[in-house]
Amino acid sequence: MGATDLMLRLMEAHVRLPDLTLANEMQAIRTVAHDLSGTATVELADGRHVTAVEIQSAYLDVVRSHVGGIIEPTAEVESILDLWERGIRAVAEDASHLVDTELDWAIKRRLIARYQERLGCSLGDPRLARLELAFHDVSPERGLYHRLVGQGLIATVVDDAAIESARTVAPQTTRARLRGAFVEAASTSGQDYTVDWVHLKAHRGE
């Protein structure tokens, strides 16, 4: 999300970005998702074949070139760039330990590898399939996330109090604040209502 934010800042400033348009987006996603080596190539619209590592590195380079200009250098920006670079290196060098408490794929890979070694089984074993489901289960009771955080195996960015505040208190300079106030007022008064990106509508005139 941090990398996307920095890219959007450049796009909003009309910065010329490298032409890395994919020839077939869905095929590229499948190719990259099934490749642990970082060497699989995807086809670009202009006929070139490049790796996901090369694409990510090109975008990282252009973002770095605008830090101190369009992108204000802050501790948060530096943290994003550091993690982005380590994520690319983790794939390119088969060194997932560089990010195995921070990036989802690396955390999951480490967890499955440990269980596979402990059980002495193949990747097709149903017990690993159950583990994978538990990894993605967001339930605090059934999912693995909170247990892994408690064991120091997943690094967190913000604490639970900040998450709860973000969940219940909308940013005060956004439309979300108005929508939230409208929904709360309509619910309190028992009115049926509809809310979308454009309209806030109470279904009774009063």
N, C-alpha and C. Protein backbone atom coordinates (compact mmCIF):
# COMPACT_ATOMS: atom_id res chain seq x y z
N MET A 1 0.83 -1.20 0.00
CA MET A 1 0.00 0.00 0.00
C MET A 1 0.87 1.25 0.00
N GLY A 2 1.99 1.19 0.71
CA GLY A 2 2.89 2.34 0.71
C GLY A 2 3.47 2.60 -0.66
N ALA A 3 3.87 1.52 -1.34
CA ALA A 3 4.43 1.67 -2.69
C ALA A 3 3.36 2.24 -3.64
N THR A 4 2.13 1.76 -3.51
CA THR A 4 1.05 2.28 -4.35
C THR A 4 0.82 3.76 -4.09
N ASP A 5 0.86 4.15 -2.83
CA ASP A 5 0.69 5.57 -2.48
C ASP A 5 1.75 6.43 -3.16
N LEU A 6 3.00 5.98 -3.10
CA LEU A 6 4.09 6.77 -3.70
C LEU A 6 3.95 6.83 -5.22
N MET A 7 3.53 5.72 -5.83
CA MET A 7 3.31 5.72 -7.27
C MET A 7 2.18 6.68 -7.66
N LEU A 8 1.11 6.68 -6.86
CA LEU A 8 -0.02 7.57 -7.16
C LEU A 8 0.40 9.04 -7.06
N ARG A 9 1.28 9.35 -6.12
CA ARG A 9 1.76 10.73 -6.01
C ARG A 9 2.46 11.16 -7.31
N LEU A 10 3.26 10.26 -7.88
CA LEU A 10 3.94 10.58 -9.14
C LEU A 10 2.94 10.71 -10.28
N MET A 11 1.96 9.82 -10.32
CA MET A 11 0.96 9.88 -11.39
C MET A 11 0.15 11.17 -11.31
N GLU A 12 -0.21 11.58 -10.09
CA GLU A 12 -0.97 12.82 -9.92
C GLU A 12 -0.15 14.03 -10.34
N ALA A 13 1.18 13.91 -10.24
CA ALA A 13 2.06 15.01 -10.66
C ALA A 13 2.44 14.89 -12.14
N HIS A 14 1.85 13.92 -12.85
CA HIS A 14 2.08 13.71 -14.29
C HIS A 14 3.54 13.39 -14.61
N VAL A 15 4.18 12.66 -13.70
CA VAL A 15 5.56 12.21 -13.96
C VAL A 15 5.53 11.13 -15.04
N ARG A 16 6.47 11.20 -15.96
CA ARG A 16 6.57 10.18 -17.00
C ARG A 16 7.14 8.90 -16.38
N LEU A 17 6.36 7.84 -16.45
CA LEU A 17 6.77 6.58 -15.85
C LEU A 17 7.29 5.63 -16.93
N PRO A 18 8.08 4.63 -16.55
CA PRO A 18 8.55 3.65 -17.53
C PRO A 18 7.35 2.94 -18.17
N ASP A 19 7.42 2.66 -19.46
CA ASP A 19 6.33 1.98 -20.14
C ASP A 19 6.46 0.48 -19.91
N LEU A 20 5.71 0.00 -18.92
CA LEU A 20 5.76 -1.41 -18.57
C LEU A 20 4.37 -2.03 -18.68
N THR A 21 3.60 -1.57 -19.65
CA THR A 21 2.26 -2.09 -19.87
C THR A 21 2.33 -3.58 -20.22
N LEU A 22 1.55 -4.37 -19.52
CA LEU A 22 1.55 -5.81 -19.73
C LEU A 22 0.71 -6.19 -20.94
N ALA A 23 1.15 -7.23 -21.64
CA ALA A 23 0.38 -7.70 -22.80
C ALA A 23 -0.88 -8.42 -22.34
N ASN A 24 -0.78 -9.16 -21.24
CA ASN A 24 -1.91 -9.92 -20.73
C ASN A 24 -1.82 -9.92 -19.20
N GLU A 25 -2.59 -9.04 -18.57
CA GLU A 25 -2.47 -8.84 -17.13
C GLU A 25 -2.76 -10.11 -16.33
N MET A 26 -3.85 -10.81 -16.67
CA MET A 26 -4.23 -12.00 -15.90
C MET A 26 -3.18 -13.11 -16.04
N GLN A 27 -2.67 -13.30 -17.24
CA GLN A 27 -1.63 -14.31 -17.43
C GLN A 27 -0.38 -13.94 -16.64
N ALA A 28 -0.05 -12.65 -16.62
CA ALA A 28 1.13 -12.20 -15.88
C ALA A 28 0.97 -12.47 -14.39
N ILE A 29 -0.22 -12.21 -13.85
CA ILE A 29 -0.47 -12.46 -12.43
C ILE A 29 -0.28 -13.94 -12.12
N ARG A 30 -0.82 -14.81 -12.97
CA ARG A 30 -0.68 -16.26 -12.74
C ARG A 30 0.79 -16.68 -12.82
N THR A 31 1.49 -16.16 -13.82
CA THR A 31 2.90 -16.53 -14.00
C THR A 31 3.73 -16.14 -12.78
N VAL A 32 3.55 -14.92 -12.31
CA VAL A 32 4.34 -14.43 -11.18
C VAL A 32 3.94 -15.15 -9.89
N ALA A 33 2.64 -15.40 -9.72
CA ALA A 33 2.17 -16.04 -8.49
C ALA A 33 2.70 -17.46 -8.33
N HIS A 34 2.99 -18.14 -9.43
CA HIS A 34 3.46 -19.52 -9.36
C HIS A 34 4.99 -19.64 -9.39
N ASP A 35 5.68 -18.51 -9.38
CA ASP A 35 7.13 -18.53 -9.52
C ASP A 35 7.79 -18.12 -8.21
N LEU A 36 8.54 -19.04 -7.60
CA LEU A 36 9.27 -18.72 -6.36
C LEU A 36 10.68 -18.26 -6.62
N SER A 37 11.13 -18.38 -7.87
CA SER A 37 12.53 -18.09 -8.18
C SER A 37 12.77 -16.63 -8.55
N GLY A 38 11.72 -15.93 -8.95
CA GLY A 38 11.88 -14.55 -9.39
C GLY A 38 12.44 -14.44 -10.79
N THR A 39 12.52 -15.57 -11.51
CA THR A 39 13.13 -15.55 -12.85
C THR A 39 12.11 -15.67 -13.97
N ALA A 40 10.86 -16.01 -13.65
CA ALA A 40 9.85 -16.14 -14.70
C ALA A 40 9.61 -14.78 -15.35
N THR A 41 9.41 -14.78 -16.66
CA THR A 41 9.20 -13.52 -17.36
C THR A 41 7.74 -13.37 -17.78
N VAL A 42 7.33 -12.12 -17.92
CA VAL A 42 6.00 -11.79 -18.44
C VAL A 42 6.20 -10.93 -19.68
N GLU A 43 5.22 -10.99 -20.57
CA GLU A 43 5.33 -10.23 -21.81
C GLU A 43 4.72 -8.85 -21.65
N LEU A 44 5.44 -7.84 -22.15
CA LEU A 44 4.93 -6.49 -22.16
C LEU A 44 4.22 -6.22 -23.48
N ALA A 45 3.43 -5.16 -23.51
CA ALA A 45 2.67 -4.83 -24.71
C ALA A 45 3.57 -4.57 -25.91
N ASP A 46 4.81 -4.12 -25.65
CA ASP A 46 5.72 -3.83 -26.76
C ASP A 46 6.53 -5.05 -27.19
N GLY A 47 6.22 -6.22 -26.61
CA GLY A 47 6.88 -7.45 -27.02
C GLY A 47 8.06 -7.86 -26.16
N ARG A 48 8.54 -6.98 -25.30
CA ARG A 48 9.66 -7.35 -24.42
C ARG A 48 9.20 -8.37 -23.38
N HIS A 49 10.15 -9.14 -22.87
CA HIS A 49 9.88 -10.07 -21.78
C HIS A 49 10.75 -9.67 -20.59
N VAL A 50 10.12 -9.43 -19.46
CA VAL A 50 10.84 -8.99 -18.26
C VAL A 50 10.32 -9.77 -17.05
N THR A 51 11.11 -9.74 -15.98
CA THR A 51 10.69 -10.40 -14.74
C THR A 51 9.94 -9.41 -13.87
N ALA A 52 9.21 -9.95 -12.90
CA ALA A 52 8.51 -9.09 -11.93
C ALA A 52 9.52 -8.27 -11.13
N VAL A 53 10.68 -8.86 -10.86
CA VAL A 53 11.74 -8.14 -10.14
C VAL A 53 12.18 -6.91 -10.95
N GLU A 54 12.32 -7.07 -12.26
CA GLU A 54 12.73 -5.93 -13.10
C GLU A 54 11.65 -4.85 -13.14
N ILE A 55 10.39 -5.25 -13.18
CA ILE A 55 9.30 -4.28 -13.18
C ILE A 55 9.29 -3.50 -11.86
N GLN A 56 9.33 -4.24 -10.75
CA GLN A 56 9.30 -3.57 -9.44
C GLN A 56 10.53 -2.67 -9.25
N SER A 57 11.68 -3.13 -9.69
CA SER A 57 12.90 -2.32 -9.55
C SER A 57 12.81 -1.03 -10.36
N ALA A 58 12.22 -1.10 -11.54
CA ALA A 58 12.06 0.10 -12.37
C ALA A 58 11.17 1.12 -11.68
N TYR A 59 10.07 0.64 -11.09
CA TYR A 59 9.17 1.56 -10.38
C TYR A 59 9.83 2.12 -9.12
N LEU A 60 10.55 1.28 -8.40
CA LEU A 60 11.24 1.75 -7.20
C LEU A 60 12.26 2.83 -7.57
N ASP A 61 13.00 2.61 -8.65
CA ASP A 61 14.01 3.59 -9.07
C ASP A 61 13.39 4.95 -9.40
N VAL A 62 12.26 4.94 -10.11
CA VAL A 62 11.64 6.22 -10.48
C VAL A 62 11.08 6.91 -9.24
N VAL A 63 10.56 6.15 -8.29
CA VAL A 63 10.08 6.77 -7.05
C VAL A 63 11.24 7.38 -6.29
N ARG A 64 12.33 6.63 -6.14
CA ARG A 64 13.50 7.15 -5.42
C ARG A 64 14.03 8.43 -6.06
N SER A 65 13.95 8.52 -7.39
CA SER A 65 14.49 9.70 -8.08
C SER A 65 13.68 10.96 -7.78
N HIS A 66 12.48 10.81 -7.23
CA HIS A 66 11.64 11.98 -6.94
C HIS A 66 11.49 12.26 -5.45
N VAL A 67 12.20 11.50 -4.61
CA VAL A 67 12.20 11.80 -3.18
C VAL A 67 13.03 13.06 -2.97
N GLY A 68 12.48 14.00 -2.25
CA GLY A 68 13.14 15.30 -2.09
C GLY A 68 12.58 16.32 -3.05
N GLY A 69 11.76 15.87 -3.99
CA GLY A 69 11.08 16.76 -4.93
C GLY A 69 9.59 16.61 -4.74
N ILE A 70 8.97 15.86 -5.63
CA ILE A 70 7.53 15.61 -5.54
C ILE A 70 7.18 14.88 -4.25
N ILE A 71 8.03 13.95 -3.86
CA ILE A 71 7.79 13.16 -2.64
C ILE A 71 8.64 13.73 -1.51
N GLU A 72 7.97 14.22 -0.49
CA GLU A 72 8.69 14.77 0.65
C GLU A 72 9.38 13.65 1.42
N PRO A 73 10.67 13.81 1.71
CA PRO A 73 11.37 12.75 2.45
C PRO A 73 10.94 12.74 3.92
N THR A 74 10.31 11.68 4.33
CA THR A 74 9.88 11.52 5.72
C THR A 74 10.33 10.15 6.20
N ALA A 75 10.22 9.92 7.51
CA ALA A 75 10.57 8.61 8.07
C ALA A 75 9.66 7.54 7.48
N GLU A 76 8.39 7.87 7.26
CA GLU A 76 7.45 6.89 6.71
C GLU A 76 7.84 6.52 5.27
N VAL A 77 8.19 7.53 4.47
CA VAL A 77 8.60 7.26 3.09
C VAL A 77 9.85 6.39 3.07
N GLU A 78 10.82 6.70 3.92
CA GLU A 78 12.05 5.91 3.95
C GLU A 78 11.76 4.47 4.37
N SER A 79 10.82 4.30 5.30
CA SER A 79 10.45 2.97 5.74
C SER A 79 9.81 2.18 4.60
N ILE A 80 8.96 2.83 3.82
CA ILE A 80 8.31 2.18 2.67
C ILE A 80 9.36 1.77 1.65
N LEU A 81 10.27 2.68 1.32
CA LEU A 81 11.30 2.39 0.32
C LEU A 81 12.22 1.26 0.78
N ASP A 82 12.54 1.25 2.07
CA ASP A 82 13.39 0.19 2.61
C ASP A 82 12.71 -1.17 2.48
N LEU A 83 11.44 -1.26 2.87
CA LEU A 83 10.72 -2.53 2.78
C LEU A 83 10.52 -2.95 1.33
N TRP A 84 10.21 -1.99 0.47
CA TRP A 84 10.03 -2.27 -0.96
C TRP A 84 11.31 -2.89 -1.54
N GLU A 85 12.46 -2.27 -1.23
CA GLU A 85 13.73 -2.76 -1.75
C GLU A 85 14.06 -4.14 -1.20
N ARG A 86 13.83 -4.33 0.10
CA ARG A 86 14.12 -5.65 0.70
C ARG A 86 13.19 -6.72 0.14
N GLY A 87 11.94 -6.35 -0.16
CA GLY A 87 11.01 -7.30 -0.76
C GLY A 87 11.48 -7.76 -2.13
N ILE A 88 11.98 -6.82 -2.91
CA ILE A 88 12.52 -7.17 -4.24
C ILE A 88 13.75 -8.07 -4.10
N ARG A 89 14.64 -7.72 -3.18
CA ARG A 89 15.83 -8.53 -2.97
C ARG A 89 15.47 -9.93 -2.47
N ALA A 90 14.44 -10.02 -1.63
CA ALA A 90 14.03 -11.31 -1.10
C ALA A 90 13.64 -12.27 -2.22
N VAL A 91 12.97 -11.73 -3.25
CA VAL A 91 12.58 -12.56 -4.39
C VAL A 91 13.80 -12.83 -5.27
N ALA A 92 14.55 -11.80 -5.61
CA ALA A 92 15.67 -11.94 -6.55
C ALA A 92 16.76 -12.87 -6.02
N GLU A 93 16.98 -12.83 -4.70
CA GLU A 93 18.07 -13.59 -4.10
C GLU A 93 17.60 -14.84 -3.37
N ASP A 94 16.30 -15.17 -3.50
CA ASP A 94 15.71 -16.28 -2.75
C ASP A 94 16.07 -16.16 -1.27
N ALA A 95 15.82 -14.97 -0.75
CA ALA A 95 16.21 -14.65 0.63
C ALA A 95 15.00 -14.12 1.39
N SER A 96 13.96 -14.95 1.50
CA SER A 96 12.72 -14.47 2.11
C SER A 96 12.90 -14.08 3.58
N HIS A 97 14.00 -14.51 4.19
CA HIS A 97 14.25 -14.12 5.58
C HIS A 97 14.39 -12.60 5.73
N LEU A 98 14.68 -11.91 4.63
CA LEU A 98 14.82 -10.44 4.69
C LEU A 98 13.51 -9.76 5.06
N VAL A 99 12.39 -10.43 4.80
CA VAL A 99 11.08 -9.80 5.02
C VAL A 99 10.07 -10.76 5.67
N ASP A 100 10.58 -11.83 6.29
CA ASP A 100 9.64 -12.88 6.71
C ASP A 100 8.87 -12.60 7.99
N THR A 101 8.94 -11.38 8.48
CA THR A 101 8.00 -10.94 9.52
C THR A 101 7.16 -9.77 9.03
N GLU A 102 7.38 -9.34 7.78
CA GLU A 102 6.73 -8.12 7.30
C GLU A 102 5.84 -8.30 6.09
N LEU A 103 6.22 -9.15 5.14
CA LEU A 103 5.43 -9.33 3.92
C LEU A 103 4.70 -10.67 3.95
N ASP A 104 3.43 -10.60 3.61
CA ASP A 104 2.52 -11.74 3.71
C ASP A 104 3.08 -13.02 3.10
N TRP A 105 3.56 -12.92 1.84
CA TRP A 105 4.02 -14.14 1.16
C TRP A 105 5.20 -14.78 1.86
N ALA A 106 6.08 -13.96 2.41
CA ALA A 106 7.27 -14.50 3.08
C ALA A 106 6.91 -15.10 4.44
N ILE A 107 5.99 -14.47 5.14
CA ILE A 107 5.52 -15.01 6.42
C ILE A 107 4.89 -16.38 6.19
N LYS A 108 4.03 -16.45 5.18
CA LYS A 108 3.33 -17.70 4.86
C LYS A 108 4.30 -18.78 4.41
N ARG A 109 5.27 -18.40 3.60
CA ARG A 109 6.25 -19.38 3.11
C ARG A 109 7.05 -19.98 4.25
N ARG A 110 7.48 -19.13 5.20
CA ARG A 110 8.24 -19.62 6.36
C ARG A 110 7.39 -20.56 7.20
N LEU A 111 6.14 -20.17 7.43
CA LEU A 111 5.25 -20.98 8.26
C LEU A 111 5.01 -22.36 7.65
N ILE A 112 4.71 -22.39 6.36
CA ILE A 112 4.45 -23.67 5.68
C ILE A 112 5.71 -24.53 5.65
N ALA A 113 6.86 -23.91 5.39
CA ALA A 113 8.11 -24.67 5.34
C ALA A 113 8.42 -25.32 6.69
N ARG A 114 8.17 -24.58 7.78
CA ARG A 114 8.43 -25.12 9.11
C ARG A 114 7.52 -26.31 9.43
N TYR A 115 6.24 -26.16 9.10
CA TYR A 115 5.31 -27.25 9.35
C TYR A 115 5.60 -28.45 8.46
N GLN A 116 5.98 -28.17 7.22
CA GLN A 116 6.31 -29.26 6.30
C GLN A 116 7.51 -30.06 6.83
N GLU A 117 8.51 -29.35 7.34
CA GLU A 117 9.68 -30.01 7.90
C GLU A 117 9.31 -30.80 9.15
N ARG A 118 8.49 -30.21 10.00
CA ARG A 118 8.09 -30.88 11.24
C ARG A 118 7.27 -32.14 10.96
N LEU A 119 6.39 -32.06 9.95
CA LEU A 119 5.51 -33.19 9.64
C LEU A 119 6.17 -34.18 8.68
N GLY A 120 7.23 -33.76 8.01
CA GLY A 120 7.89 -34.61 7.03
C GLY A 120 6.96 -34.98 5.89
N CYS A 121 6.25 -33.99 5.35
CA CYS A 121 5.23 -34.27 4.34
C CYS A 121 5.49 -33.45 3.08
N SER A 122 4.73 -33.75 2.03
CA SER A 122 4.83 -33.00 0.78
C SER A 122 3.94 -31.76 0.86
N LEU A 123 4.12 -30.85 -0.09
CA LEU A 123 3.29 -29.64 -0.11
C LEU A 123 1.82 -29.96 -0.38
N GLY A 124 1.54 -31.14 -0.93
CA GLY A 124 0.16 -31.52 -1.20
C GLY A 124 -0.56 -32.11 -0.01
N ASP A 125 0.08 -32.20 1.14
CA ASP A 125 -0.52 -32.81 2.32
C ASP A 125 -1.72 -31.99 2.79
N PRO A 126 -2.86 -32.64 3.10
CA PRO A 126 -4.06 -31.91 3.54
C PRO A 126 -3.85 -31.09 4.81
N ARG A 127 -2.90 -31.50 5.65
CA ARG A 127 -2.64 -30.74 6.88
C ARG A 127 -2.06 -29.37 6.56
N LEU A 128 -1.27 -29.29 5.50
CA LEU A 128 -0.74 -27.98 5.08
C LEU A 128 -1.85 -27.14 4.45
N ALA A 129 -2.77 -27.79 3.77
CA ALA A 129 -3.92 -27.06 3.21
C ALA A 129 -4.74 -26.44 4.33
N ARG A 130 -4.95 -27.19 5.43
CA ARG A 130 -5.69 -26.65 6.58
C ARG A 130 -4.92 -25.49 7.21
N LEU A 131 -3.60 -25.63 7.28
CA LEU A 131 -2.77 -24.56 7.83
C LEU A 131 -2.91 -23.29 7.00
N GLU A 132 -2.92 -23.46 5.68
CA GLU A 132 -3.06 -22.31 4.80
C GLU A 132 -4.39 -21.61 5.01
N LEU A 133 -5.47 -22.39 5.17
CA LEU A 133 -6.78 -21.79 5.44
C LEU A 133 -6.77 -21.03 6.76
N ALA A 134 -6.14 -21.60 7.77
CA ALA A 134 -6.06 -20.94 9.07
C ALA A 134 -5.24 -19.66 8.99
N PHE A 135 -4.23 -19.66 8.13
CA PHE A 135 -3.39 -18.47 7.96
C PHE A 135 -4.22 -17.30 7.44
N HIS A 136 -5.17 -17.59 6.56
CA HIS A 136 -5.97 -16.53 5.95
C HIS A 136 -7.29 -16.26 6.69
N ASP A 137 -7.56 -17.02 7.76
CA ASP A 137 -8.78 -16.82 8.53
C ASP A 137 -8.60 -15.57 9.41
N VAL A 138 -9.48 -14.59 9.25
CA VAL A 138 -9.33 -13.33 9.98
C VAL A 138 -9.93 -13.39 11.39
N SER A 139 -10.54 -14.51 11.74
CA SER A 139 -11.14 -14.64 13.07
C SER A 139 -10.05 -14.61 14.15
N PRO A 140 -10.22 -13.78 15.18
CA PRO A 140 -9.23 -13.75 16.28
C PRO A 140 -9.13 -15.10 16.99
N GLU A 141 -10.22 -15.89 16.98
CA GLU A 141 -10.20 -17.18 17.66
C GLU A 141 -9.58 -18.28 16.80
N ARG A 142 -9.96 -18.35 15.51
CA ARG A 142 -9.52 -19.46 14.67
C ARG A 142 -8.27 -19.15 13.85
N GLY A 143 -8.07 -17.90 13.50
CA GLY A 143 -6.95 -17.54 12.64
C GLY A 143 -5.62 -17.58 13.36
N LEU A 144 -4.55 -17.62 12.59
CA LEU A 144 -3.20 -17.71 13.15
C LEU A 144 -2.56 -16.35 13.42
N TYR A 145 -3.11 -15.30 12.83
CA TYR A 145 -2.44 -13.99 12.87
C TYR A 145 -2.07 -13.56 14.29
N HIS A 146 -3.05 -13.54 15.19
CA HIS A 146 -2.78 -13.02 16.54
C HIS A 146 -1.76 -13.88 17.27
N ARG A 147 -1.81 -15.19 17.04
CA ARG A 147 -0.82 -16.06 17.68
C ARG A 147 0.59 -15.77 17.15
N LEU A 148 0.68 -15.56 15.83
CA LEU A 148 2.00 -15.28 15.24
C LEU A 148 2.54 -13.93 15.71
N VAL A 149 1.65 -12.93 15.85
CA VAL A 149 2.08 -11.63 16.38
C VAL A 149 2.60 -11.81 17.81
N GLY A 150 1.84 -12.57 18.62
CA GLY A 150 2.24 -12.80 20.01
C GLY A 150 3.58 -13.50 20.13
N GLN A 151 3.92 -14.31 19.14
CA GLN A 151 5.19 -15.02 19.15
C GLN A 151 6.32 -14.21 18.49
N GLY A 152 6.00 -12.99 18.07
CA GLY A 152 7.01 -12.14 17.43
C GLY A 152 7.33 -12.55 16.00
N LEU A 153 6.44 -13.33 15.37
CA LEU A 153 6.69 -13.82 14.02
C LEU A 153 6.05 -12.93 12.95
N ILE A 154 5.26 -11.95 13.36
CA ILE A 154 4.72 -10.95 12.44
C ILE A 154 4.93 -9.58 13.07
N ALA A 155 5.57 -8.70 12.33
CA ALA A 155 5.78 -7.34 12.80
C ALA A 155 4.52 -6.52 12.52
N THR A 156 4.15 -5.66 13.44
CA THR A 156 2.98 -4.80 13.24
C THR A 156 3.43 -3.38 12.96
N VAL A 157 2.58 -2.64 12.26
CA VAL A 157 2.89 -1.26 11.90
C VAL A 157 2.25 -0.29 12.87
N VAL A 158 1.02 -0.60 13.29
CA VAL A 158 0.30 0.24 14.26
C VAL A 158 -0.26 -0.66 15.35
N ASP A 159 -0.58 -0.08 16.51
CA ASP A 159 -1.09 -0.89 17.61
C ASP A 159 -2.61 -1.02 17.53
N ASP A 160 -3.17 -1.88 18.38
CA ASP A 160 -4.61 -2.16 18.34
C ASP A 160 -5.45 -0.93 18.62
N ALA A 161 -4.98 -0.05 19.49
CA ALA A 161 -5.75 1.16 19.81
C ALA A 161 -5.88 2.06 18.58
N ALA A 162 -4.81 2.18 17.80
CA ALA A 162 -4.85 2.99 16.58
C ALA A 162 -5.78 2.37 15.55
N ILE A 163 -5.79 1.04 15.47
CA ILE A 163 -6.68 0.35 14.54
C ILE A 163 -8.13 0.59 14.92
N GLU A 164 -8.45 0.47 16.21
CA GLU A 164 -9.82 0.68 16.66
C GLU A 164 -10.26 2.12 16.41
N SER A 165 -9.34 3.06 16.63
CA SER A 165 -9.67 4.47 16.36
C SER A 165 -9.95 4.68 14.88
N ALA A 166 -9.13 4.08 14.01
CA ALA A 166 -9.33 4.22 12.57
C ALA A 166 -10.65 3.58 12.12
N ARG A 167 -11.03 2.51 12.83
CA ARG A 167 -12.27 1.79 12.48
C ARG A 167 -13.51 2.58 12.86
N THR A 168 -13.42 3.36 13.93
CA THR A 168 -14.61 4.01 14.47
C THR A 168 -14.65 5.53 14.30
N VAL A 169 -13.51 6.15 14.03
CA VAL A 169 -13.46 7.61 13.89
C VAL A 169 -12.95 7.95 12.49
N ALA A 170 -13.83 8.49 11.66
CA ALA A 170 -13.44 8.82 10.28
C ALA A 170 -12.51 10.02 10.27
N PRO A 171 -11.59 10.09 9.30
CA PRO A 171 -10.77 11.30 9.15
C PRO A 171 -11.68 12.52 9.02
N GLN A 172 -11.42 13.54 9.79
CA GLN A 172 -12.36 14.65 9.92
C GLN A 172 -12.41 15.58 8.72
N THR A 173 -11.50 15.44 7.79
CA THR A 173 -11.51 16.33 6.60
C THR A 173 -11.99 15.60 5.35
N THR A 174 -12.67 14.46 5.54
CA THR A 174 -13.08 13.65 4.39
C THR A 174 -14.59 13.46 4.34
N ARG A 175 -15.05 12.95 3.19
CA ARG A 175 -16.47 12.62 3.04
C ARG A 175 -16.88 11.50 3.99
N ALA A 176 -15.92 10.68 4.40
CA ALA A 176 -16.24 9.58 5.31
C ALA A 176 -16.81 10.10 6.62
N ARG A 177 -16.34 11.25 7.08
CA ARG A 177 -16.88 11.83 8.32
C ARG A 177 -18.36 12.14 8.15
N LEU A 178 -18.71 12.77 7.00
CA LEU A 178 -20.11 13.11 6.74
C LEU A 178 -20.96 11.85 6.60
N ARG A 179 -20.46 10.88 5.85
CA ARG A 179 -21.22 9.63 5.68
C ARG A 179 -21.44 8.95 7.02
N GLY A 180 -20.40 8.90 7.84
CA GLY A 180 -20.52 8.26 9.15
C GLY A 180 -21.54 8.96 10.03
N ALA A 181 -21.51 10.29 10.04
CA ALA A 181 -22.47 11.05 10.84
C ALA A 181 -23.89 10.82 10.34
N PHE A 182 -24.06 10.75 9.03
CA PHE A 182 -25.38 10.52 8.44
C PHE A 182 -25.92 9.14 8.83
N VAL A 183 -25.08 8.12 8.68
CA VAL A 183 -25.49 6.75 9.01
C VAL A 183 -25.86 6.65 10.49
N GLU A 184 -25.05 7.27 11.35
CA GLU A 184 -25.33 7.22 12.79
C GLU A 184 -26.65 7.90 13.12
N ALA A 185 -26.88 9.09 12.51
CA ALA A 185 -28.13 9.81 12.77
C ALA A 185 -29.34 9.05 12.25
N ALA A 186 -29.23 8.49 11.04
CA ALA A 186 -30.35 7.74 10.45
C ALA A 186 -30.64 6.48 11.26
N SER A 187 -29.59 5.81 11.70
CA SER A 187 -29.78 4.59 12.49
C SER A 187 -30.42 4.90 13.84
N THR A 188 -29.94 5.98 14.48
CA THR A 188 -30.47 6.36 15.79
C THR A 188 -31.95 6.71 15.71
N SER A 189 -32.37 7.35 14.60
CA SER A 189 -33.77 7.76 14.46
C SER A 189 -34.63 6.67 13.82
N GLY A 190 -34.03 5.52 13.51
CA GLY A 190 -34.79 4.41 12.96
C GLY A 190 -35.19 4.58 11.51
N GLN A 191 -34.52 5.41 10.78
CA GLN A 191 -34.85 5.65 9.37
C GLN A 191 -34.15 4.65 8.46
N ASP A 192 -34.87 4.25 7.41
CA ASP A 192 -34.22 3.51 6.33
C ASP A 192 -33.39 4.50 5.52
N TYR A 193 -32.24 4.07 5.06
CA TYR A 193 -31.38 4.99 4.33
C TYR A 193 -30.55 4.25 3.29
N THR A 194 -30.03 5.01 2.35
CA THR A 194 -29.12 4.50 1.33
C THR A 194 -27.92 5.44 1.27
N VAL A 195 -26.73 4.85 1.24
CA VAL A 195 -25.50 5.64 1.14
C VAL A 195 -24.65 5.04 0.03
N ASP A 196 -24.20 5.88 -0.91
CA ASP A 196 -23.24 5.43 -1.91
C ASP A 196 -22.17 6.51 -2.05
N TRP A 197 -21.37 6.44 -3.11
CA TRP A 197 -20.26 7.40 -3.25
C TRP A 197 -20.74 8.82 -3.51
N VAL A 198 -22.00 8.96 -3.96
CA VAL A 198 -22.49 10.28 -4.36
C VAL A 198 -23.62 10.78 -3.48
N HIS A 199 -24.52 9.89 -3.09
CA HIS A 199 -25.75 10.31 -2.42
C HIS A 199 -25.88 9.75 -1.00
N LEU A 200 -26.48 10.57 -0.14
CA LEU A 200 -26.92 10.14 1.19
C LEU A 200 -28.43 10.35 1.17
N LYS A 201 -29.20 9.28 1.29
CA LYS A 201 -30.64 9.41 1.13
C LYS A 201 -31.37 8.75 2.28
N ALA A 202 -32.26 9.54 2.94
CA ALA A 202 -33.19 8.99 3.93
C ALA A 202 -34.50 8.73 3.18
N HIS A 203 -35.08 7.56 3.40
CA HIS A 203 -36.25 7.16 2.62
C HIS A 203 -37.57 7.73 3.14
N ARG A 204 -37.50 8.46 4.25
CA ARG A 204 -38.70 9.16 4.71
C ARG A 204 -38.36 10.64 4.74
N GLY A 205 -39.30 11.45 4.29
CA GLY A 205 -39.02 12.88 4.09
C GLY A 205 -38.52 13.62 5.31
N GLU A 206 -39.08 13.29 6.48
CA GLU A 206 -38.69 14.06 7.66
C GLU A 206 -37.25 13.78 8.09
